């Protein structure tokens, strides 16, 4: 399948197809979902990169850590982490790549929603995405997408 790199760059920034070699991508007009599988997202590991879109990351394990400026932030499993457009950051490399899904929402789409303007991220009424429970599996090419022997992570 050919990646729509133009649309991906509108959401994520100036990256190469090679940097996404371990990432499954689901791209819409204004929203993109990115799921690293079988390895790290090499664009996420780029020091001091930023995105033109809003970024929301939902980690499935405790290996996701982000560097913003001089601070290192450990992102908690099952807790949504968000960044506004233009904030420079870097995923901190680890021995085992973290498991997460990243949601990108175009800045204009998000900003033009008047009903969102009165909320802050700390407001309990502000719920962009709620996943109270579910199940995720992560395959490698060796697993060949078979469910036998692939641990399911309940959340």
Foldseek 3Di string as FASTA:
>chain_A
DDDPVVQVCLFFNDDDPVLLPQWDWDDDNFKIKIWGAQDDRNVLQDFFDWTQWKKKKAFQCQQWWKDFPNDIGGDDHRDIDIDGGPGTMHTDDDPGYTTIMMMTGHPVVVVVPVVCVVDDPPDPVDDPDDDPKDKDWGDHVVCVPDPVPTDIRID
